[in-house]
C-alpha atoms as a PDB file:
ATOM      1  CA  MET A   1     118.904  84.781 131.107  1.00  0.00           C
ATOM      2  CA  ARG A   2     116.145  86.626 130.048  1.00  0.00           C
ATOM      3  CA  LEU A   3     117.695  89.929 131.412  1.00  0.00           C
ATOM      4  CA  LEU A   4     120.889  89.251 129.831  1.00  0.00           C
ATOM      5  CA  VAL A   5     119.376  88.948 126.527  1.00  0.00           C
ATOM      6  CA  LYS A   6     117.623  92.346 126.926  1.00  0.00           C
ATOM      7  CA  ILE A   7     121.057  94.011 128.029  1.00  0.00           C
ATOM      8  CA  SER A   8     122.391  92.454 124.865  1.00  0.00           C
ATOM      9  CA  VAL A   9     119.664  93.649 122.703  1.00  0.00           C
ATOM     10  CA  PHE A  10     120.455  97.167 124.299  1.00  0.00           C
ATOM     11  CA  PHE A  11     124.356  96.676 123.577  1.00  0.00           C
ATOM     12  CA  ALA A  12     123.698  95.699 120.047  1.00  0.00           C
ATOM     13  CA  PHE A  13     121.933  98.799 119.353  1.00  0.00           C
ATOM     14  CA  ILE A  14     124.745 100.609 120.445  1.00  0.00           C
ATOM     15  CA  VAL A  15     127.271  98.825 118.468  1.00  0.00           C
ATOM     16  CA  ILE A  16     124.936  99.819 115.444  1.00  0.00           C
ATOM     17  CA  VAL A  17     124.861 103.376 116.412  1.00  0.00           C
ATOM     18  CA  LEU A  18     128.692 103.279 117.206  1.00  0.00           C
ATOM     19  CA  GLY A  19     129.262 101.587 113.993  1.00  0.00           C
ATOM     20  CA  ALA A  20     127.428 104.203 111.887  1.00  0.00           C
ATOM     21  CA  PHE A  21     129.093 106.888 113.828  1.00  0.00           C
ATOM     22  CA  THR A  22     132.638 105.314 112.944  1.00  0.00           C
ATOM     23  CA  ARG A  23     131.828 104.874 109.458  1.00  0.00           C
ATOM     24  CA  LEU A  24     130.300 108.236 108.890  1.00  0.00           C
ATOM     25  CA  THR A  25     133.377 110.077 110.674  1.00  0.00           C
ATOM     26  CA  GLU A  26     135.486 108.208 108.032  1.00  0.00           C
ATOM     27  CA  ALA A  27     137.273 106.512 111.247  1.00  0.00           C
ATOM     28  CA  GLY A  28     136.842 102.959 109.638  1.00  0.00           C
ATOM     29  CA  LEU A  29     140.725 102.848 109.336  1.00  0.00           C
ATOM     30  CA  GLY A  30     141.374 104.804 112.483  1.00  0.00           C
ATOM     31  CA  CYS A  31     143.305 102.017 113.679  1.00  0.00           C
ATOM     32  CA  PRO A  32     145.514 100.439 110.852  1.00  0.00           C
ATOM     33  CA  ASP A  33     145.298  97.006 112.550  1.00  0.00           C
ATOM     34  CA  TRP A  34     142.973  94.802 114.613  1.00  0.00           C
ATOM     35  CA  PRO A  35     141.838  93.815 117.289  1.00  0.00           C
ATOM     36  CA  GLY A  36     144.107  96.504 118.982  1.00  0.00           C
ATOM     37  CA  CYS A  37     145.369 100.061 117.797  1.00  0.00           C
ATOM     38  CA  TYR A  38     148.709 100.374 116.207  1.00  0.00           C
ATOM     39  CA  GLY A  39     149.860  97.565 118.379  1.00  0.00           C
ATOM     40  CA  PHE A  40     148.361  98.550 121.741  1.00  0.00           C
ATOM     41  CA  LEU A  41     145.171  97.701 123.694  1.00  0.00           C
ATOM     42  CA  LYS A  42     143.995 101.361 123.486  1.00  0.00           C
ATOM     43  CA  VAL A  43     144.882 104.490 121.261  1.00  0.00           C
ATOM     44  CA  PRO A  44     148.552 105.491 121.800  1.00  0.00           C
ATOM     45  CA  SER A  45     148.855 108.847 123.637  1.00  0.00           C
ATOM     46  CA  GLN A  46     152.263 109.010 125.090  1.00  0.00           C
ATOM     47  CA  GLU A  47     154.769 110.496 123.009  1.00  0.00           C
ATOM     48  CA  GLU A  48     156.929 107.332 123.235  1.00  0.00           C
ATOM     49  CA  HIS A  49     154.054 105.095 122.275  1.00  0.00           C
ATOM     50  CA  ILE A  50     153.052 107.227 119.415  1.00  0.00           C
ATOM     51  CA  GLN A  51     156.485 107.153 117.793  1.00  0.00           C
ATOM     52  CA  GLN A  52     156.365 103.207 118.068  1.00  0.00           C
ATOM     53  CA  ALA A  53     153.025 103.483 116.304  1.00  0.00           C
ATOM     54  CA  GLU A  54     154.355 105.501 113.467  1.00  0.00           C
ATOM     55  CA  LEU A  55     157.418 103.288 112.888  1.00  0.00           C
ATOM     56  CA  ARG A  56     154.944 100.237 112.850  1.00  0.00           C
ATOM     57  CA  PHE A  57     152.833 102.092 110.408  1.00  0.00           C
ATOM     58  CA  PRO A  58     154.617 104.807 108.610  1.00  0.00           C
ATOM     59  CA  ASP A  59     151.512 105.281 106.062  1.00  0.00           C
ATOM     60  CA  ALA A  60     148.930 105.882 108.826  1.00  0.00           C
ATOM     61  CA  PRO A  61     149.858 108.701 111.291  1.00  0.00           C
ATOM     62  CA  VAL A  62     148.032 108.619 114.432  1.00  0.00           C
ATOM     63  CA  GLU A  63     144.718 110.850 114.476  1.00  0.00           C
ATOM     64  CA  HIS A  64     143.305 110.429 117.893  1.00  0.00           C
ATOM     65  CA  ALA A  65     140.020 111.492 117.306  1.00  0.00           C
ATOM     66  CA  LYS A  66     139.098 109.002 114.569  1.00  0.00           C
ATOM     67  CA  ALA A  67     141.180 105.979 116.598  1.00  0.00           C
ATOM     68  CA  TRP A  68     139.282 106.735 119.344  1.00  0.00           C
ATOM     69  CA  ASN A  69     135.959 106.432 117.390  1.00  0.00           C
ATOM     70  CA  GLU A  70     137.067 102.993 116.198  1.00  0.00           C
ATOM     71  CA  MET A  71     138.059 101.427 119.438  1.00  0.00           C
ATOM     72  CA  VAL A  72     135.110 102.551 121.424  1.00  0.00           C
ATOM     73  CA  HIS A  73     133.035 100.792 118.753  1.00  0.00           C
ATOM     74  CA  ARG A  74     135.443  97.837 119.412  1.00  0.00           C
ATOM     75  CA  TYR A  75     135.106  98.019 122.843  1.00  0.00           C
ATOM     76  CA  PHE A  76     131.425  97.701 122.856  1.00  0.00           C
ATOM     77  CA  ALA A  77     131.486  95.032 119.943  1.00  0.00           C
ATOM     78  CA  GLY A  78     133.751  92.959 122.155  1.00  0.00           C
ATOM     79  CA  THR A  79     131.467  93.569 125.401  1.00  0.00           C
ATOM     80  CA  LEU A  80     128.649  92.247 123.106  1.00  0.00           C
ATOM     81  CA  GLY A  81     130.360  89.025 121.905  1.00  0.00           C
ATOM     82  CA  LEU A  82     131.294  88.294 125.643  1.00  0.00           C
ATOM     83  CA  LEU A  83     127.628  88.834 126.149  1.00  0.00           C
ATOM     84  CA  ILE A  84     126.407  86.560 123.683  1.00  0.00           C
ATOM     85  CA  LEU A  85     129.027  84.022 124.436  1.00  0.00           C
ATOM     86  CA  THR A  86     127.588  83.822 128.141  1.00  0.00           C
ATOM     87  CA  ILE A  87     124.111  83.488 126.792  1.00  0.00           C
ATOM     88  CA  ALA A  88     125.051  80.479 124.603  1.00  0.00           C
ATOM     89  CA  ILE A  89     126.888  79.032 127.773  1.00  0.00           C
ATOM     90  CA  ILE A  90     123.920  79.492 130.044  1.00  0.00           C
ATOM     91  CA  ALA A  91     121.644  78.103 127.418  1.00  0.00           C
ATOM     92  CA  TRP A  92     123.866  74.941 126.926  1.00  0.00           C
ATOM     93  CA  VAL A  93     123.892  74.349 130.851  1.00  0.00           C
ATOM     94  CA  LYS A  94     120.187  74.780 131.234  1.00  0.00           C
ATOM     95  CA  SER A  95     119.205  72.464 128.515  1.00  0.00           C
ATOM     96  CA  ARG A  96     121.553  69.554 130.200  1.00  0.00           C
ATOM     97  CA  ARG A  97     120.403  70.343 133.769  1.00  0.00           C
ATOM     98  CA  TYR A  98     117.150  71.258 133.388  1.00  0.00           C
ATOM     99  CA  SER A  99     116.031  69.224 130.392  1.00  0.00           C
ATOM    100  CA  HIS A 100     112.123  69.436 131.393  1.00  0.00           C
ATOM    101  CA  TYR A 101     112.347  73.039 130.916  1.00  0.00           C
ATOM    102  CA  PRO A 102     112.278  74.285 127.582  1.00  0.00           C
ATOM    103  CA  THR A 103     115.180  76.369 126.816  1.00  0.00           C
ATOM    104  CA  PRO A 104     116.512  77.614 123.424  1.00  0.00           C
ATOM    105  CA  VAL A 105     119.262  76.337 122.490  1.00  0.00           C
ATOM    106  CA  LYS A 106     119.829  76.387 118.613  1.00  0.00           C
ATOM    107  CA  LEU A 107     119.039  80.421 118.405  1.00  0.00           C
ATOM    108  CA  PRO A 108     121.851  81.139 121.244  1.00  0.00           C
ATOM    109  CA  THR A 109     124.265  79.051 119.377  1.00  0.00           C
ATOM    110  CA  LEU A 110     123.355  80.428 116.085  1.00  0.00           C
ATOM    111  CA  LEU A 111     124.095  83.854 117.672  1.00  0.00           C
ATOM    112  CA  LEU A 112     127.406  82.790 118.640  1.00  0.00           C
ATOM    113  CA  GLY A 113     128.505  81.627 115.276  1.00  0.00           C
ATOM    114  CA  LEU A 114     127.143  84.875 113.899  1.00  0.00           C
ATOM    115  CA  VAL A 115     129.369  86.988 116.186  1.00  0.00           C
ATOM    116  CA  ILE A 116     132.347  85.362 115.573  1.00  0.00           C
ATOM    117  CA  PHE A 117     131.929  85.528 112.152  1.00  0.00           C
ATOM    118  CA  GLN A 118     130.780  89.350 112.476  1.00  0.00           C
ATOM    119  CA  ALA A 119     134.255  89.753 114.274  1.00  0.00           C
ATOM    120  CA  ALA A 120     135.919  88.277 111.347  1.00  0.00           C
ATOM    121  CA  LEU A 121     134.254  90.714 108.856  1.00  0.00           C
ATOM    122  CA  GLY A 122     135.397  93.568 111.586  1.00  0.00           C
ATOM    123  CA  MET A 123     139.174  92.446 111.152  1.00  0.00           C
ATOM    124  CA  TRP A 124     138.551  92.053 107.337  1.00  0.00           C
ATOM    125  CA  THR A 125     137.117  95.662 107.194  1.00  0.00           C
ATOM    126  CA  VAL A 126     140.394  96.713 108.205  1.00  0.00           C
ATOM    127  CA  THR A 127     142.929  94.483 106.908  1.00  0.00           C
ATOM    128  CA  MET A 128     141.310  94.776 103.318  1.00  0.00           C
ATOM    129  CA  ASN A 129     141.125  98.577 103.479  1.00  0.00           C
ATOM    130  CA  LEU A 130     137.224  99.085 103.877  1.00  0.00           C
ATOM    131  CA  GLN A 131     136.433  96.769 100.613  1.00  0.00           C
ATOM    132  CA  PRO A 132     132.606  97.596  99.884  1.00  0.00           C
ATOM    133  CA  LEU A 133     131.173  93.950 100.058  1.00  0.00           C
ATOM    134  CA  ILE A 134     132.961  93.413 103.500  1.00  0.00           C
ATOM    135  CA  VAL A 135     131.779  96.533 104.822  1.00  0.00           C
ATOM    136  CA  MET A 136     128.213  95.981 103.858  1.00  0.00           C
ATOM    137  CA  GLY A 137     128.426  92.576 105.109  1.00  0.00           C
ATOM    138  CA  HIS A 138     129.757  93.651 108.408  1.00  0.00           C
ATOM    139  CA  LEU A 139     126.631  96.105 108.710  1.00  0.00           C
ATOM    140  CA  LEU A 140     124.330  93.409 107.740  1.00  0.00           C
ATOM    141  CA  GLY A 141     125.927  91.079 110.365  1.00  0.00           C
ATOM    142  CA  GLY A 142     125.335  93.706 113.118  1.00  0.00           C
ATOM    143  CA  PHE A 143     121.537  93.927 111.852  1.00  0.00           C
ATOM    144  CA  SER A 144     121.395  90.160 112.093  1.00  0.00           C
ATOM    145  CA  VAL A 145     122.697  90.163 115.339  1.00  0.00           C
ATOM    146  CA  ILE A 146     120.334  92.476 117.020  1.00  0.00           C
ATOM    147  CA  SER A 147     117.405  90.751 115.210  1.00  0.00           C
ATOM    148  CA  LEU A 148     118.176  87.271 116.407  1.00  0.00           C
ATOM    149  CA  LEU A 149     118.907  88.648 119.761  1.00  0.00           C
ATOM    150  CA  TYR A 150     115.508  90.510 119.746  1.00  0.00           C
ATOM    151  CA  LEU A 151     113.723  87.636 118.803  1.00  0.00           C
ATOM    152  CA  LEU A 152     115.417  85.266 121.616  1.00  0.00           C
ATOM    153  CA  SER A 153     114.164  88.016 123.811  1.00  0.00           C
ATOM    154  CA  LEU A 154     110.643  87.820 122.326  1.00  0.00           C
ATOM    155  CA  ARG A 155     110.743  83.771 122.904  1.00  0.00           C
ATOM    156  CA  LEU A 156     111.989  84.103 126.385  1.00  0.00           C
ATOM    157  CA  SER A 157     109.415  86.558 127.299  1.00  0.00           C
ATOM    158  CA  SER A 158     106.528  85.435 129.423  1.00  0.00           C
ATOM    159  CA  PHE A 159     103.791  87.856 127.785  1.00  0.00           C
ATOM    160  CA  ARG A 160     101.097  86.127 126.097  1.00  0.00           C
ATOM    161  CA  LEU A 161      98.653  87.726 123.514  1.00  0.00           C
ATOM    162  CA  ALA A 162      95.409  88.269 125.302  1.00  0.00           C
ATOM    163  CA  GLY A 163      92.580  87.076 122.965  1.00  0.00           C
ATOM    164  CA  GLY A 164      94.829  87.563 119.870  1.00  0.00           C
ATOM    165  CA  ASP A 165      93.816  88.652 116.350  1.00  0.00           C
ATOM    166  CA  PRO A 166      93.518  85.187 114.542  1.00  0.00           C
ATOM    167  CA  GLU A 167      92.299  86.737 111.322  1.00  0.00           C
ATOM    168  CA  LEU A 168      95.719  88.666 111.050  1.00  0.00           C
ATOM    169  CA  ARG A 169      97.318  85.280 110.432  1.00  0.00           C
ATOM    170  CA  ARG A 170      96.468  85.289 106.822  1.00  0.00           C
ATOM    171  CA  TYR A 171      98.948  88.255 106.603  1.00  0.00           C
ATOM    172  CA  ARG A 172     101.981  86.353 107.572  1.00  0.00           C
ATOM    173  CA  SER A 173     103.412  86.067 104.173  1.00  0.00           C
ATOM    174  CA  LEU A 174     103.077  89.526 103.522  1.00  0.00           C
ATOM    175  CA  ALA A 175     104.708  90.636 106.849  1.00  0.00           C
ATOM    176  CA  PHE A 176     107.533  88.022 106.053  1.00  0.00           C
ATOM    177  CA  PHE A 177     107.798  89.564 102.444  1.00  0.00           C
ATOM    178  CA  THR A 178     107.924  93.172 103.965  1.00  0.00           C
ATOM    179  CA  LEU A 179     110.688  92.049 106.422  1.00  0.00           C
ATOM    180  CA  LEU A 180     112.540  90.774 103.422  1.00  0.00           C
ATOM    181  CA  VAL A 181     112.062  94.023 101.546  1.00  0.00           C
ATOM    182  CA  VAL A 182     113.447  96.077 104.246  1.00  0.00           C
ATOM    183  CA  ILE A 183     116.361  93.864 104.630  1.00  0.00           C
ATOM    184  CA  GLY A 184     117.011  94.268 101.213  1.00  0.00           C
ATOM    185  CA  GLN A 185     116.670  98.204 101.440  1.00  0.00           C
ATOM    186  CA  ILE A 186     119.153  98.133 104.385  1.00  0.00           C
ATOM    187  CA  ALA A 187     121.330  96.055 102.343  1.00  0.00           C
ATOM    188  CA  LEU A 188     121.177  98.848  99.313  1.00  0.00           C
ATOM    189  CA  GLY A 189     122.014 101.734 102.263  1.00  0.00           C
ATOM    190  CA  GLY A 190     124.876  99.581 103.347  1.00  0.00           C
ATOM    191  CA  TRP A 191     126.471  99.368  99.771  1.00  0.00           C
ATOM    192  CA  VAL A 192     125.741 103.048  99.438  1.00  0.00           C
ATOM    193  CA  ALA A 193     127.498 103.878 102.689  1.00  0.00           C
ATOM    194  CA  ALA A 194     130.251 101.624 102.041  1.00  0.00           C
ATOM    195  CA  ASN A 195     131.188 103.533  98.559  1.00  0.00           C
ATOM    196  CA  TYR A 196     130.680 106.652 100.043  1.00  0.00           C
ATOM    197  CA  ALA A 197     127.780 107.523  97.869  1.00  0.00           C
ATOM    198  CA  ALA A 198     125.421 109.274 100.157  1.00  0.00           C
ATOM    199  CA  VAL A 199     125.709 112.732  98.751  1.00  0.00           C
ATOM    200  CA  ALA A 200     125.916 111.223  95.040  1.00  0.00           C
ATOM    201  CA  CYS A 201     122.539 113.160  94.580  1.00  0.00           C
ATOM    202  CA  THR A 202     121.729 116.484  95.767  1.00  0.00           C
ATOM    203  CA  GLU A 203     118.256 117.015  94.366  1.00  0.00           C
ATOM    204  CA  LEU A 204     114.864 115.506  95.010  1.00  0.00           C
ATOM    205  CA  PRO A 205     113.337 113.223  93.972  1.00  0.00           C
ATOM    206  CA  PHE A 206     116.154 111.673  92.330  1.00  0.00           C
ATOM    207  CA  CYS A 207     119.087 113.415  90.961  1.00  0.00           C
ATOM    208  CA  GLU A 208     120.073 116.630  89.403  1.00  0.00           C
ATOM    209  CA  GLY A 209     120.482 116.902  85.501  1.00  0.00           C
ATOM    210  CA  ASN A 210     119.606 114.166  83.012  1.00  0.00           C
ATOM    211  CA  TRP A 211     120.540 111.482  85.546  1.00  0.00           C
ATOM    212  CA  THR A 212     118.917 108.711  83.532  1.00  0.00           C
ATOM    213  CA  THR A 213     121.444 108.540  80.738  1.00  0.00           C
ATOM    214  CA  GLN A 214     124.290 108.286  83.340  1.00  0.00           C
ATOM    215  CA  LEU A 215     122.835 105.217  85.055  1.00  0.00           C
ATOM    216  CA  ASP A 216     125.579 102.363  85.321  1.00  0.00           C
ATOM    217  CA  PHE A 217     124.093  99.472  86.907  1.00  0.00           C
ATOM    218  CA  ALA A 218     127.075  97.118  86.039  1.00  0.00           C
ATOM    219  CA  GLY A 219     129.664  99.758  87.522  1.00  0.00           C
ATOM    220  CA  ALA A 220     127.459 100.297  90.423  1.00  0.00           C
ATOM    221  CA  PHE A 221     127.265  96.878  91.715  1.00  0.00           C
ATOM    222  CA  SER A 222     130.827  95.820  90.814  1.00  0.00           C
ATOM    223  CA  ILE A 223     134.035  96.169  93.105  1.00  0.00           C
ATOM    224  CA  PRO A 224     136.938  97.987  91.070  1.00  0.00           C
ATOM    225  CA  GLU A 225     140.444  96.876  91.944  1.00  0.00           C
ATOM    226  CA  ALA A 226     142.133  99.569  94.482  1.00  0.00           C
ATOM    227  CA  ASP A 227     144.642  99.745  96.974  1.00  0.00           C
ATOM    228  CA  THR A 228     142.550 101.305  99.514  1.00  0.00           C
ATOM    229  CA  TYR A 229     138.504 101.824  99.186  1.00  0.00           C
ATOM    230  CA  GLN A 230     138.640 104.623 101.875  1.00  0.00           C
ATOM    231  CA  TYR A 231     136.652 107.472 100.567  1.00  0.00           C
ATOM    232  CA  GLY A 232     135.530 105.375  97.469  1.00  0.00           C
ATOM    233  CA  ALA A 233     136.875 103.621  94.259  1.00  0.00           C
ATOM    234  CA  HIS A 234     133.944 104.104  91.874  1.00  0.00           C
ATOM    235  CA  ASP A 235     133.435 106.921  89.482  1.00  0.00           C
ATOM    236  CA  TYR A 236     130.617 109.473  89.861  1.00  0.00           C
ATOM    237  CA  ASN A 237     128.203 107.308  87.677  1.00  0.00           C
ATOM    238  CA  ASP A 238     128.516 104.274  89.727  1.00  0.00           C
ATOM    239  CA  ARG A 239     127.701 106.286  93.087  1.00  0.00           C
ATOM    240  CA  MET A 240     124.828 108.345  91.417  1.00  0.00           C
ATOM    241  CA  THR A 241     123.611 105.034  90.178  1.00  0.00           C
ATOM    242  CA  MET A 242     123.809 103.352  93.685  1.00  0.00           C
ATOM    243  CA  HIS A 243     121.949 106.527  95.297  1.00  0.00           C
ATOM    244  CA  VAL A 244     119.037 106.449  92.922  1.00  0.00           C
ATOM    245  CA  MET A 245     118.520 102.434  93.697  1.00  0.00           C
ATOM    246  CA  HIS A 246     118.691 103.427  97.103  1.00  0.00           C
ATOM    247  CA  ARG A 247     115.882 106.100  96.644  1.00  0.00           C
ATOM    248  CA  VAL A 248     113.878 103.636  94.610  1.00  0.00           C
ATOM    249  CA  GLY A 249     114.248 100.930  97.368  1.00  0.00           C
ATOM    250  CA  ALA A 250     112.901 103.378  99.843  1.00  0.00           C
ATOM    251  CA  ILE A 251     109.751 103.966  97.632  1.00  0.00           C
ATOM    252  CA  ILE A 252     109.319 100.456  97.076  1.00  0.00           C
ATOM    253  CA  THR A 253     109.730  99.644 100.909  1.00  0.00           C
ATOM    254  CA  PHE A 254     107.413 102.593 101.697  1.00  0.00           C
ATOM    255  CA  LEU A 255     104.684 101.157  99.325  1.00  0.00           C
ATOM    256  CA  VAL A 256     104.957  97.677 100.739  1.00  0.00           C
ATOM    257  CA  ILE A 257     104.981  98.554 104.389  1.00  0.00           C
ATOM    258  CA  CYS A 258     101.917 100.743 104.012  1.00  0.00           C
ATOM    259  CA  ALA A 259     100.213  97.941 102.223  1.00  0.00           C
ATOM    260  CA  LEU A 260     100.884  95.643 105.099  1.00  0.00           C
ATOM    261  CA  LEU A 261      99.750  98.407 107.583  1.00  0.00           C
ATOM    262  CA  PHE A 262      96.385  99.056 105.752  1.00  0.00           C
ATOM    263  CA  LYS A 263      95.476  95.487 105.461  1.00  0.00           C
ATOM    264  CA  CYS A 264      96.378  94.406 108.968  1.00  0.00           C
ATOM    265  CA  TRP A 265      94.741  97.724 110.431  1.00  0.00           C
ATOM    266  CA  ARG A 266      91.444  96.649 109.026  1.00  0.00           C
ATOM    267  CA  LYS A 267      91.307  93.404 110.450  1.00  0.00           C
ATOM    268  CA  ALA A 268      93.183  93.952 113.957  1.00  0.00           C
ATOM    269  CA  LYS A 269      90.906  94.096 117.143  1.00  0.00           C
ATOM    270  CA  SER A 270      93.351  93.892 119.807  1.00  0.00           C
ATOM    271  CA  HIS A 271      94.953  97.080 121.353  1.00  0.00           C
ATOM    272  CA  PHE A 272      98.106  94.949 121.359  1.00  0.00           C
ATOM    273  CA  PHE A 273      98.415  94.775 117.158  1.00  0.00           C
ATOM    274  CA  ARG A 274      97.001  98.111 116.706  1.00  0.00           C
ATOM    275  CA  ARG A 275      99.749  99.969 118.885  1.00  0.00           C
ATOM    276  CA  SER A 276     102.474  97.519 116.988  1.00  0.00           C
ATOM    277  CA  LEU A 277     101.270  98.639 113.918  1.00  0.00           C
ATOM    278  CA  ILE A 278     100.947 102.214 114.941  1.00  0.00           C
ATOM    279  CA  VAL A 279     104.976 102.199 115.827  1.00  0.00           C
ATOM    280  CA  ILE A 280     105.820 100.692 112.727  1.00  0.00           C
ATOM    281  CA  GLY A 281     104.028 103.510 110.941  1.00  0.00           C
ATOM    282  CA  LEU A 282     105.638 105.927 113.209  1.00  0.00           C
ATOM    283  CA  LEU A 283     109.138 104.517 112.532  1.00  0.00           C
ATOM    284  CA  LEU A 284     108.481 104.489 108.811  1.00  0.00           C
ATOM    285  CA  SER A 285     107.400 108.154 108.737  1.00  0.00           C
ATOM    286  CA  LEU A 286     110.787 109.181 110.912  1.00  0.00           C
ATOM    287  CA  GLN A 287     112.814 107.092 108.567  1.00  0.00           C
ATOM    288  CA  ILE A 288     111.437 109.006 105.558  1.00  0.00           C
ATOM    289  CA  LEU A 289     111.952 112.507 107.139  1.00  0.00           C
ATOM    290  CA  LEU A 290     115.638 111.491 108.021  1.00  0.00           C
ATOM    291  CA  GLY A 291     116.163 110.326 104.598  1.00  0.00           C
ATOM    292  CA  ILE A 292     115.162 113.464 103.107  1.00  0.00           C
ATOM    293  CA  SER A 293     116.747 115.449 105.724  1.00  0.00           C
ATOM    294  CA  ASN A 294     120.107 113.649 104.637  1.00  0.00           C
ATOM    295  CA  VAL A 295     119.541 114.931 101.031  1.00  0.00           C
ATOM    296  CA  VAL A 296     118.515 118.611 101.861  1.00  0.00           C
ATOM    297  CA  PHE A 297     121.099 119.298 104.508  1.00  0.00           C
ATOM    298  CA  GLN A 298     123.824 117.211 102.961  1.00  0.00           C
ATOM    299  CA  LEU A 299     124.338 114.565 105.403  1.00  0.00           C
ATOM    300  CA  PRO A 300     124.863 116.136 109.009  1.00  0.00           C
ATOM    301  CA  LEU A 301     126.258 113.794 110.975  1.00  0.00           C
ATOM    302  CA  TRP A 302     123.816 113.032 113.718  1.00  0.00           C
ATOM    303  CA  ASN A 303     120.994 112.906 111.292  1.00  0.00           C
ATOM    304  CA  ALA A 304     122.684 110.292 109.230  1.00  0.00           C
ATOM    305  CA  VAL A 305     123.505 108.416 112.431  1.00  0.00           C
ATOM    306  CA  ALA A 306     119.799 108.713 113.710  1.00  0.00           C
ATOM    307  CA  HIS A 307     118.917 107.140 109.953  1.00  0.00           C
ATOM    308  CA  ASN A 308     121.075 104.049 110.857  1.00  0.00           C
ATOM    309  CA  ALA A 309     119.199 103.597 114.412  1.00  0.00           C
ATOM    310  CA  VAL A 310     115.907 104.234 113.501  1.00  0.00           C
ATOM    311  CA  GLY A 311     116.411 101.665 110.611  1.00  0.00           C
ATOM    312  CA  ALA A 312     117.326  99.240 113.061  1.00  0.00           C
ATOM    313  CA  LEU A 313     114.407  99.829 115.058  1.00  0.00           C
ATOM    314  CA  LEU A 314     111.815  99.582 112.095  1.00  0.00           C
ATOM    315  CA  LEU A 315     113.380  96.261 111.268  1.00  0.00           C
ATOM    316  CA  LEU A 316     112.927  94.978 114.983  1.00  0.00           C
ATOM    317  CA  SER A 317     109.346  96.289 114.922  1.00  0.00           C
ATOM    318  CA  LEU A 318     108.867  94.138 111.875  1.00  0.00           C
ATOM    319  CA  VAL A 319     110.566  91.092 113.363  1.00  0.00           C
ATOM    320  CA  ALA A 320     108.194  91.445 116.213  1.00  0.00           C
ATOM    321  CA  LEU A 321     105.092  91.794 114.238  1.00  0.00           C
ATOM    322  CA  ASN A 322     106.128  88.334 112.077  1.00  0.00           C
ATOM    323  CA  TYR A 323     106.936  86.751 115.512  1.00  0.00           C
ATOM    324  CA  ASN A 324     103.487  87.676 116.905  1.00  0.00           C
ATOM    325  CA  LEU A 325     101.765  86.751 113.668  1.00  0.00           C
ATOM    326  CA  SER A 326     103.007  83.206 113.877  1.00  0.00           C
ATOM    327  CA  ARG A 327     102.114  82.528 117.322  1.00  0.00           C
ATOM    328  CA  LYS A 328      98.812  81.104 118.224  1.00  0.00           C
ATOM    329  CA  ALA A 329      96.434  82.979 120.728  1.00  0.00           C
END
């Protein structure tokens, strides 16, 4: 079960990367139906199948590149769902047959429920034409799945802290607060991405011109009525406000993480915790550089995908730190 969970963590990471790639290549509606593609289990390629697809969805001509981006993401997500189902079944069986052996059951069950809801969000993303709240929820669901899988992996690990750093336990509340701040920043990033606001500001540190007079918080965090939300339905002021709030969130996140690292570093004695803090610091630095590069180079595809991937790794590093701070040596 331990190996299966580790494989699932890897698959969850791939799903997050593929989801970002699908979103950034504007392939979220590459297949206008769900869970198949134009009524087929794979992207239609034969001329006869393409004609059938265009008859079924006359307003959505087949674009093979976008459709394959979407379907590869669905294949990996479906595989991840089966892996989590297997983990849950194994956990239930072990808990009944080997009651003397402590096997986590609640967490695998929660994961199974979450991945089912995540599948529903994936369906609604398509059927509701990329409605921003659904898209952001789908992104947060993916980050939640990988976080819980990683937490399960940590719980199943046979590793035990040698000596530990009992003085660091005083910073458990700060570490948990930092984790919440990072989750909030991921949500802001998801909202920016869902509303195509990533390039709303092209200058640093904030926006070009007299941007402060154009802020519209009510509009930025509303959902306008639209037939489709592909390419966004908000005006420029709304998108600019989203973008600015994400940058403000990045500054707050940076300061909070730095405060946590500074306080923990002064008290850390074990090499284990010092390495953990160094990893968090490196991931934070890399994430900042990727965020700046997104603005300077106008959202290059692989840079933007990496920004999502490193965000996931930063989240996992804080999950691990919180877990280890909560354990007794």
